[in-house]
Amino acid sequence: MVTSSLAQTPLHDWHAAHGGRMVDFAGWSMPVQYSSIVAEHTATRTAAGLFDVSHMGRLQFTGTGVAQFLDSLVTRRITEMEIGQVRYALVTNEQGGILDDVLVYRLKHPSKGEYHLMVVNASNREKIVDWIQHWLDERKPDVRFTDITHDTAMIAVQGPLAAKLIEPRVPFDPTAMKYYHAISAEQGYGCISRTGYTGEDGFEVIAPANEALKIWESLLDSSSQLGVMAAGLGARDTLRLEAAMPLYGHELNEQTNPLEAGLGFAVNLEGRRFPGSAALATVQREKPRRARIGLELTSKRVPREHYGIYAGDQPIGEITSGTFSPTLQKPIAMGYVPPQFAQSGTELTVDIRGSREPAHVVKLPFYKRP
């Protein structure tokens, strides 16, 4: 049930007026779908989908010590980032468990100078704000830190037509922008980045909250004839699952470390110290005790979170996310099992409400854009 106590994005009234089925997501009133999840999913794969992701946390950092401070908190090196780069990283606790997966931006505003942004998951924003404040109080670097989530909006434009939609609205060629790069906007603290969470080409726009509706309607009005649709959190989940992108609260949590989650590419331990680095060095040396895998099922039954994974009669793990893939037209899932069961082609079963359904391990991602 959605109550008035939930936070609202600057686009909330548009969602409600256009048939958005609003749900409580991490304390925000958010649209899960407008028409159908499959239609919005397919539009994103074949044309483009517009997603309101303003519920995600946006944290701004300025000061001469920012890069060194962030470098000491996350799993990847921040001090070597160039202006315009965006980097995926993890924030870990002292045990190496994942507090959140984040994007760190290094940007330069045309008139206000250099700054960093960190985009965090909505469900973890308050936890990460407290974590950052703790380390600011502990280390007292030359850093000014502001939570700008409610002052800004964030819109994701995802799909093969994304660059075509963005092009008329920016003073540069968006197709020339490298993946995981961003350009600071002229007005306010905002930017356009070539990033996303769907497995498609795409861009994410961060803008002042009072400009969100104008940007959203402009993108939709000029492109509805091309098959572009507003899409909700339901399609965002099926798209990211096909692309094997882990979701916090499902594949990632404080009891899971990045190495067993298959995120070793986002962990740089060489010559660095950050909360959890010693624990992760031990995991790296001794090898993770479990691995994130992809499963395809041969039946039409859909595995859901917490369903058991079996090797013969032996329970070996559980599902973390599952769906019926609109693109592949088969049930798919991710979960964790011991490494000896993680090889592609391994035959396993999934317990779906008391029935053992055949499944086999497949290489991730399930879907990769052409």
Protein backbone atom coordinates (compact mmCIF):
# COMPACT_ATOMS: atom_id res chain seq x y z
CA MET A 1 0.00 0.00 0.00
CA VAL A 2 1.35 3.43 -0.96
CA THR A 3 0.93 6.09 1.74
CA SER A 4 1.53 9.81 1.80
CA SER A 5 4.54 9.24 4.07
CA LEU A 6 6.55 7.91 1.12
CA ALA A 7 9.05 10.16 -0.60
CA GLN A 8 8.10 11.36 -4.08
CA THR A 9 10.30 12.11 -7.07
CA PRO A 10 9.78 15.33 -9.08
CA LEU A 11 7.98 13.13 -11.68
CA HIS A 12 5.54 11.52 -9.22
CA ASP A 13 2.46 13.42 -10.40
CA TRP A 14 3.25 12.56 -14.05
CA HIS A 15 3.47 8.86 -13.18
CA ALA A 16 0.16 8.93 -11.30
CA ALA A 17 -1.58 10.84 -14.12
CA HIS A 18 -0.35 8.42 -16.80
CA GLY A 19 -1.42 5.13 -15.29
CA GLY A 20 1.69 4.30 -13.32
CA ARG A 21 1.01 1.55 -10.77
CA MET A 22 2.70 3.06 -7.76
CA VAL A 23 4.39 0.91 -5.13
CA ASP A 24 6.53 1.43 -2.05
CA PHE A 25 10.15 0.94 -3.11
CA ALA A 26 12.75 1.69 -0.44
CA GLY A 27 10.52 4.36 1.07
CA TRP A 28 9.69 6.01 -2.27
CA SER A 29 6.42 5.97 -4.20
CA MET A 30 7.61 4.59 -7.55
CA PRO A 31 5.93 3.26 -10.73
CA VAL A 32 6.38 -0.49 -11.17
CA GLN A 33 4.69 -0.39 -14.62
CA TYR A 34 2.39 1.70 -16.82
CA SER A 35 1.05 -0.81 -19.39
CA SER A 36 2.81 -4.17 -18.99
CA ILE A 37 6.28 -5.16 -17.87
CA VAL A 38 6.80 -7.19 -21.06
CA ALA A 39 5.79 -4.27 -23.32
CA GLU A 40 8.09 -1.86 -21.49
CA HIS A 41 10.89 -4.42 -21.48
CA THR A 42 10.53 -5.04 -25.22
CA ALA A 43 10.37 -1.32 -26.01
CA THR A 44 13.69 -0.86 -24.21
CA ARG A 45 15.33 -3.72 -26.13
CA THR A 46 14.00 -2.58 -29.54
CA ALA A 47 13.63 1.23 -29.27
CA ALA A 48 14.15 2.93 -25.90
CA GLY A 49 12.68 3.07 -22.42
CA LEU A 50 12.57 6.08 -20.11
CA PHE A 51 13.06 5.32 -16.43
CA ASP A 52 12.61 7.68 -13.50
CA VAL A 53 15.47 6.67 -11.20
CA SER A 54 15.36 9.79 -9.06
CA HIS A 55 14.93 7.63 -5.96
CA MET A 56 18.59 6.66 -6.17
CA GLY A 57 20.86 8.63 -3.86
CA ARG A 58 23.13 11.37 -5.24
CA LEU A 59 25.94 12.54 -3.01
CA GLN A 60 28.18 15.45 -3.95
CA PHE A 61 31.76 16.01 -2.78
CA THR A 62 34.01 19.06 -3.17
CA GLY A 63 37.37 20.02 -1.70
CA THR A 64 41.01 19.27 -2.36
CA GLY A 65 40.98 15.96 -0.45
CA VAL A 66 37.99 14.33 -2.16
CA ALA A 67 39.76 11.87 -4.45
CA GLN A 68 42.03 10.60 -1.66
CA PHE A 69 39.08 10.33 0.74
CA LEU A 70 36.89 8.36 -1.69
CA ASP A 71 39.88 6.22 -2.64
CA SER A 72 40.15 5.21 1.02
CA LEU A 73 36.49 4.15 1.18
CA VAL A 74 35.76 2.13 -1.99
CA THR A 75 37.18 -0.94 -3.71
CA ARG A 76 38.59 0.81 -6.80
CA ARG A 77 41.17 3.52 -7.24
CA ILE A 78 39.60 6.98 -7.43
CA THR A 79 42.76 9.12 -7.37
CA GLU A 80 43.68 8.10 -10.91
CA MET A 81 40.30 8.92 -12.44
CA GLU A 82 40.28 11.58 -15.16
CA ILE A 83 37.69 14.34 -15.35
CA GLY A 84 34.64 12.88 -17.08
CA GLN A 85 35.20 9.31 -15.95
CA VAL A 86 32.57 7.23 -14.13
CA ARG A 87 33.66 4.19 -12.14
CA TYR A 88 31.66 1.28 -10.70
CA ALA A 89 32.90 0.31 -7.22
CA LEU A 90 31.81 -1.31 -3.98
CA VAL A 91 31.60 0.12 -0.48
CA THR A 92 32.53 -2.68 1.91
CA ASN A 93 32.51 -3.16 5.67
CA GLU A 94 35.54 -4.34 7.65
CA GLN A 95 34.60 -7.98 6.96
CA GLY A 96 34.56 -7.39 3.20
CA GLY A 97 30.75 -7.57 3.02
CA ILE A 98 29.06 -5.24 0.55
CA LEU A 99 27.44 -2.14 2.05
CA ASP A 100 26.47 -0.93 -1.43
CA ASP A 101 27.51 -0.91 -5.06
CA VAL A 102 27.99 2.65 -6.30
CA LEU A 103 29.00 4.81 -9.24
CA VAL A 104 31.66 7.46 -8.63
CA TYR A 105 31.87 10.40 -11.06
CA ARG A 106 34.71 12.88 -11.43
CA LEU A 107 33.32 16.03 -13.07
CA LYS A 108 34.17 19.64 -13.76
CA HIS A 109 31.40 22.21 -13.87
CA PRO A 110 31.97 24.98 -16.44
CA SER A 111 31.87 27.73 -13.79
CA LYS A 112 31.82 26.01 -10.38
CA GLY A 113 34.89 23.86 -10.79
CA GLU A 114 35.71 20.26 -10.06
CA TYR A 115 33.57 17.95 -7.96
CA HIS A 116 32.78 14.27 -7.46
CA LEU A 117 29.40 12.54 -7.35
CA MET A 118 28.52 9.20 -5.85
CA VAL A 119 25.26 7.52 -6.93
CA VAL A 120 24.03 4.95 -4.41
CA ASN A 121 21.06 2.61 -4.14
CA ALA A 122 17.88 4.14 -2.70
CA SER A 123 17.61 1.46 -0.02
CA ASN A 124 21.16 2.16 1.17
CA ARG A 125 21.33 5.96 0.97
CA GLU A 126 20.95 6.69 4.68
CA LYS A 127 23.37 3.89 5.60
CA ILE A 128 26.00 5.16 3.16
CA VAL A 129 25.52 8.78 4.26
CA ASP A 130 26.14 7.68 7.87
CA TRP A 131 29.16 5.62 6.77
CA ILE A 132 30.69 8.56 4.90
CA GLN A 133 30.02 10.95 7.78
CA HIS A 134 31.66 8.50 10.20
CA TRP A 135 34.85 8.45 8.14
CA LEU A 136 34.77 12.23 7.61
CA ASP A 137 34.59 12.70 11.39
CA GLU A 138 37.35 10.13 11.86
CA ARG A 139 39.79 11.47 9.28
CA LYS A 140 38.74 15.13 8.94
CA PRO A 141 39.91 15.59 5.32
CA ASP A 142 39.37 18.77 3.30
CA VAL A 143 36.03 17.54 1.95
CA ARG A 144 32.60 19.14 1.77
CA PHE A 145 29.84 16.55 1.46
CA THR A 146 26.20 17.21 0.51
CA ASP A 147 23.28 14.85 -0.09
CA ILE A 148 21.63 16.40 -3.17
CA THR A 149 19.10 13.59 -3.76
CA HIS A 150 16.00 15.70 -3.12
CA ASP A 151 17.37 18.73 -4.99
CA THR A 152 17.92 16.81 -8.22
CA ALA A 153 16.26 14.23 -10.48
CA MET A 154 17.75 11.31 -12.41
CA ILE A 155 16.34 9.99 -15.69
CA ALA A 156 17.66 6.92 -17.53
CA VAL A 157 17.24 6.73 -21.33
CA GLN A 158 18.02 3.16 -22.33
CA GLY A 159 17.87 1.30 -25.63
CA PRO A 160 19.20 1.31 -29.20
CA LEU A 161 17.56 4.71 -29.89
CA ALA A 162 18.93 6.35 -26.73
CA ALA A 163 21.60 8.41 -28.50
CA LYS A 164 19.06 9.59 -31.07
CA LEU A 165 16.80 10.85 -28.27
CA ILE A 166 19.59 12.60 -26.42
CA GLU A 167 21.29 14.22 -29.43
CA PRO A 168 18.91 17.20 -29.97
CA ARG A 169 19.18 18.15 -26.30
CA VAL A 170 22.94 18.35 -25.86
CA PRO A 171 25.66 20.52 -27.50
CA PHE A 172 27.81 17.52 -28.44
CA ASP A 173 27.63 14.24 -30.34
CA PRO A 174 26.43 11.66 -27.77
CA THR A 175 27.58 8.77 -29.95
CA ALA A 176 31.16 10.00 -29.45
CA MET A 177 30.88 9.76 -25.67
CA LYS A 178 32.72 6.74 -24.27
CA TYR A 179 30.93 4.18 -22.12
CA TYR A 180 31.19 5.09 -18.43
CA HIS A 181 32.01 8.72 -19.14
CA ALA A 182 30.02 11.85 -18.25
CA ILE A 183 29.82 15.55 -19.05
CA SER A 184 28.79 18.14 -16.49
CA ALA A 185 25.73 20.18 -17.43
CA GLU A 186 25.85 23.94 -17.86
CA GLN A 187 22.98 24.60 -15.45
CA GLY A 188 23.17 23.63 -11.78
CA TYR A 189 24.98 20.57 -10.51
CA GLY A 190 24.04 17.89 -12.99
CA CYS A 191 25.45 15.79 -15.77
CA ILE A 192 24.82 13.39 -18.63
CA SER A 193 26.59 10.03 -18.47
CA ARG A 194 26.76 7.07 -20.81
CA THR A 195 25.74 4.54 -18.18
CA GLY A 196 22.78 2.33 -17.40
CA TYR A 197 21.40 -0.77 -15.78
CA THR A 198 19.59 -2.59 -18.58
CA GLY A 199 22.26 -4.15 -20.80
CA GLU A 200 21.45 -1.64 -23.55
CA ASP A 201 23.28 1.42 -24.78
CA GLY A 202 21.99 4.36 -22.82
CA PHE A 203 22.40 7.60 -20.94
CA GLU A 204 21.52 8.85 -17.49
CA VAL A 205 20.65 12.50 -16.92
CA ILE A 206 21.04 14.17 -13.52
CA ALA A 207 19.35 17.58 -13.44
CA PRO A 208 17.89 20.06 -10.97
CA ALA A 209 14.54 18.80 -9.68
CA ASN A 210 12.60 21.69 -11.19
CA GLU A 211 13.79 20.76 -14.69
CA ALA A 212 12.85 17.08 -14.50
CA LEU A 213 9.32 17.28 -15.91
CA LYS A 214 10.41 19.42 -18.86
CA ILE A 215 13.18 16.97 -19.76
CA TRP A 216 10.96 13.90 -19.31
CA GLU A 217 8.08 15.23 -21.43
CA SER A 218 10.44 16.53 -24.10
CA LEU A 219 12.04 13.09 -24.47
CA LEU A 220 8.68 11.31 -24.64
CA ASP A 221 6.79 13.79 -26.81
CA SER A 222 9.39 13.69 -29.56
CA SER A 223 9.79 9.94 -29.66
CA SER A 224 6.54 8.11 -28.90
CA GLN A 225 6.07 7.44 -32.63
CA LEU A 226 9.40 5.55 -32.56
CA GLY A 227 8.13 3.05 -30.03
CA VAL A 228 9.77 4.72 -27.03
CA MET A 229 7.89 4.16 -23.77
CA ALA A 230 8.01 5.20 -20.16
CA ALA A 231 9.06 2.10 -18.22
CA GLY A 232 8.73 1.17 -14.57
CA LEU A 233 10.76 -0.72 -12.02
CA GLY A 234 9.30 -4.06 -13.16
CA ALA A 235 10.91 -3.82 -16.60
CA ARG A 236 14.08 -2.44 -15.08
CA ASP A 237 14.34 -5.64 -13.00
CA THR A 238 13.79 -8.08 -15.89
CA LEU A 239 16.21 -6.12 -18.09
CA ARG A 240 19.01 -6.07 -15.51
CA LEU A 241 18.48 -9.76 -14.76
CA GLU A 242 18.86 -10.70 -18.44
CA ALA A 243 22.06 -8.63 -18.41
CA ALA A 244 23.16 -10.45 -15.19
CA MET A 245 23.60 -7.21 -13.29
CA PRO A 246 23.49 -7.89 -9.55
CA LEU A 247 20.87 -6.08 -7.45
CA TYR A 248 21.47 -4.99 -3.90
CA GLY A 249 19.24 -6.92 -1.49
CA HIS A 250 19.24 -9.91 -3.85
CA GLU A 251 22.70 -10.80 -5.21
CA LEU A 252 24.48 -8.29 -2.95
CA ASN A 253 24.29 -7.72 0.81
CA GLU A 254 26.52 -7.24 3.84
CA GLN A 255 27.11 -11.00 4.12
CA THR A 256 28.31 -11.25 0.50
CA ASN A 257 31.78 -10.21 -0.63
CA PRO A 258 32.53 -8.84 -4.12
CA LEU A 259 34.76 -11.76 -5.11
CA GLU A 260 32.10 -14.44 -4.66
CA ALA A 261 29.61 -12.10 -6.37
CA GLY A 262 31.74 -12.18 -9.53
CA LEU A 263 32.75 -8.53 -9.12
CA GLY A 264 36.50 -9.07 -8.88
CA PHE A 265 36.96 -6.59 -11.74
CA ALA A 266 35.76 -3.87 -9.32
CA VAL A 267 38.23 -4.72 -6.55
CA ASN A 268 41.72 -3.24 -6.65
CA LEU A 269 43.78 -4.38 -3.65
CA GLU A 270 47.27 -3.60 -4.90
CA GLY A 271 48.91 -0.96 -2.72
CA ARG A 272 45.60 0.16 -1.25
CA ARG A 273 43.77 0.11 2.07
CA PHE A 274 40.05 0.62 2.56
CA PRO A 275 37.50 -0.88 4.99
CA GLY A 276 37.43 -4.60 4.19
CA SER A 277 40.61 -4.67 2.08
CA ALA A 278 42.41 -7.05 4.47
CA ALA A 279 39.43 -9.41 4.57
CA LEU A 280 39.15 -9.37 0.76
CA ALA A 281 42.87 -10.10 0.42
CA THR A 282 42.29 -13.23 2.52
CA VAL A 283 39.34 -14.27 0.35
CA GLN A 284 41.40 -13.67 -2.78
CA ARG A 285 44.26 -15.79 -1.41
CA GLU A 286 42.07 -18.64 -0.13
CA LYS A 287 39.48 -18.46 -2.95
CA PRO A 288 35.76 -17.67 -2.45
CA ARG A 289 33.64 -20.40 -0.86
CA ARG A 290 30.75 -19.86 -3.25
CA ALA A 291 30.08 -18.34 -6.66
CA ARG A 292 27.28 -16.41 -8.34
CA ILE A 293 25.88 -18.46 -11.22
CA GLY A 294 23.29 -18.19 -13.97
CA LEU A 295 20.66 -20.90 -14.44
CA GLU A 296 18.33 -21.68 -17.32
CA LEU A 297 15.35 -23.94 -16.72
CA THR A 298 13.87 -26.27 -19.31
CA SER A 299 10.32 -26.08 -17.92
CA LYS A 300 8.13 -22.97 -17.97
CA ARG A 301 8.00 -22.66 -14.18
CA VAL A 302 9.72 -19.55 -12.85
CA PRO A 303 12.21 -19.76 -9.96
CA ARG A 304 11.98 -17.02 -7.35
CA GLU A 305 14.24 -15.64 -4.64
CA HIS A 306 15.16 -18.12 -1.86
CA TYR A 307 14.11 -21.22 -3.81
CA GLY A 308 16.57 -24.03 -3.15
CA ILE A 309 19.21 -25.21 -5.66
CA TYR A 310 20.09 -28.93 -5.56
CA ALA A 311 22.79 -31.25 -6.91
CA GLY A 312 21.03 -34.59 -6.82
CA ASP A 313 19.41 -34.70 -3.37
CA GLN A 314 22.00 -32.35 -1.88
CA PRO A 315 20.92 -28.73 -1.19
CA ILE A 316 23.82 -26.56 -2.36
CA GLY A 317 22.48 -23.02 -2.57
CA GLU A 318 19.50 -20.79 -3.29
CA ILE A 319 18.10 -18.50 -5.96
CA THR A 320 18.65 -14.75 -5.50
CA SER A 321 16.64 -13.51 -8.52
CA GLY A 322 14.48 -15.26 -11.11
CA THR A 323 12.09 -14.36 -13.91
CA PHE A 324 10.64 -15.50 -17.21
CA SER A 325 12.91 -13.76 -19.71
CA PRO A 326 10.86 -11.74 -22.21
CA THR A 327 13.79 -11.73 -24.65
CA LEU A 328 14.91 -15.36 -24.35
CA GLN A 329 11.41 -16.76 -23.72
CA LYS A 330 12.57 -19.09 -20.96
CA PRO A 331 12.92 -19.00 -17.16
CA ILE A 332 16.28 -17.69 -15.95
CA ALA A 333 17.75 -17.14 -12.51
CA MET A 334 20.86 -16.19 -10.59
CA GLY A 335 21.98 -17.72 -7.32
CA TYR A 336 24.96 -18.86 -5.25
CA VAL A 337 26.50 -22.34 -5.10
CA PRO A 338 29.92 -23.79 -4.10
CA PRO A 339 32.52 -23.25 -6.86
CA GLN A 340 32.62 -26.96 -7.85
CA PHE A 341 29.02 -26.62 -9.11
CA ALA A 342 29.55 -23.35 -11.01
CA GLN A 343 30.89 -24.68 -14.30
CA SER A 344 28.75 -23.97 -17.41
CA GLY A 345 26.69 -27.01 -18.34
CA THR A 346 26.43 -28.39 -14.79
CA GLU A 347 23.03 -30.06 -14.37
CA LEU A 348 21.17 -29.03 -11.21
CA THR A 349 17.56 -28.77 -10.04
CA VAL A 350 15.56 -25.95 -8.45
CA ASP A 351 12.86 -26.64 -5.87
CA ILE A 352 9.78 -24.75 -7.06
CA ARG A 353 7.05 -25.24 -4.48
CA GLY A 354 7.96 -28.84 -3.81
CA SER A 355 8.73 -29.85 -7.40
CA ARG A 356 12.34 -30.30 -8.54
CA GLU A 357 12.68 -28.57 -11.90
CA PRO A 358 15.72 -29.34 -14.12
CA ALA A 359 18.17 -26.48 -14.62
CA HIS A 360 21.66 -26.08 -16.01
CA VAL A 361 24.40 -23.56 -15.32
CA VAL A 362 25.02 -21.06 -18.14
CA LYS A 363 27.64 -18.40 -18.72
CA LEU A 364 26.58 -14.89 -17.70
CA PRO A 365 25.17 -12.61 -18.99
CA PHE A 366 22.02 -14.29 -20.29
CA TYR A 367 21.60 -11.48 -22.83
CA LYS A 368 24.21 -9.31 -24.53
CA ARG A 369 23.16 -6.60 -26.96
CA PRO A 370 24.17 -7.15 -30.61
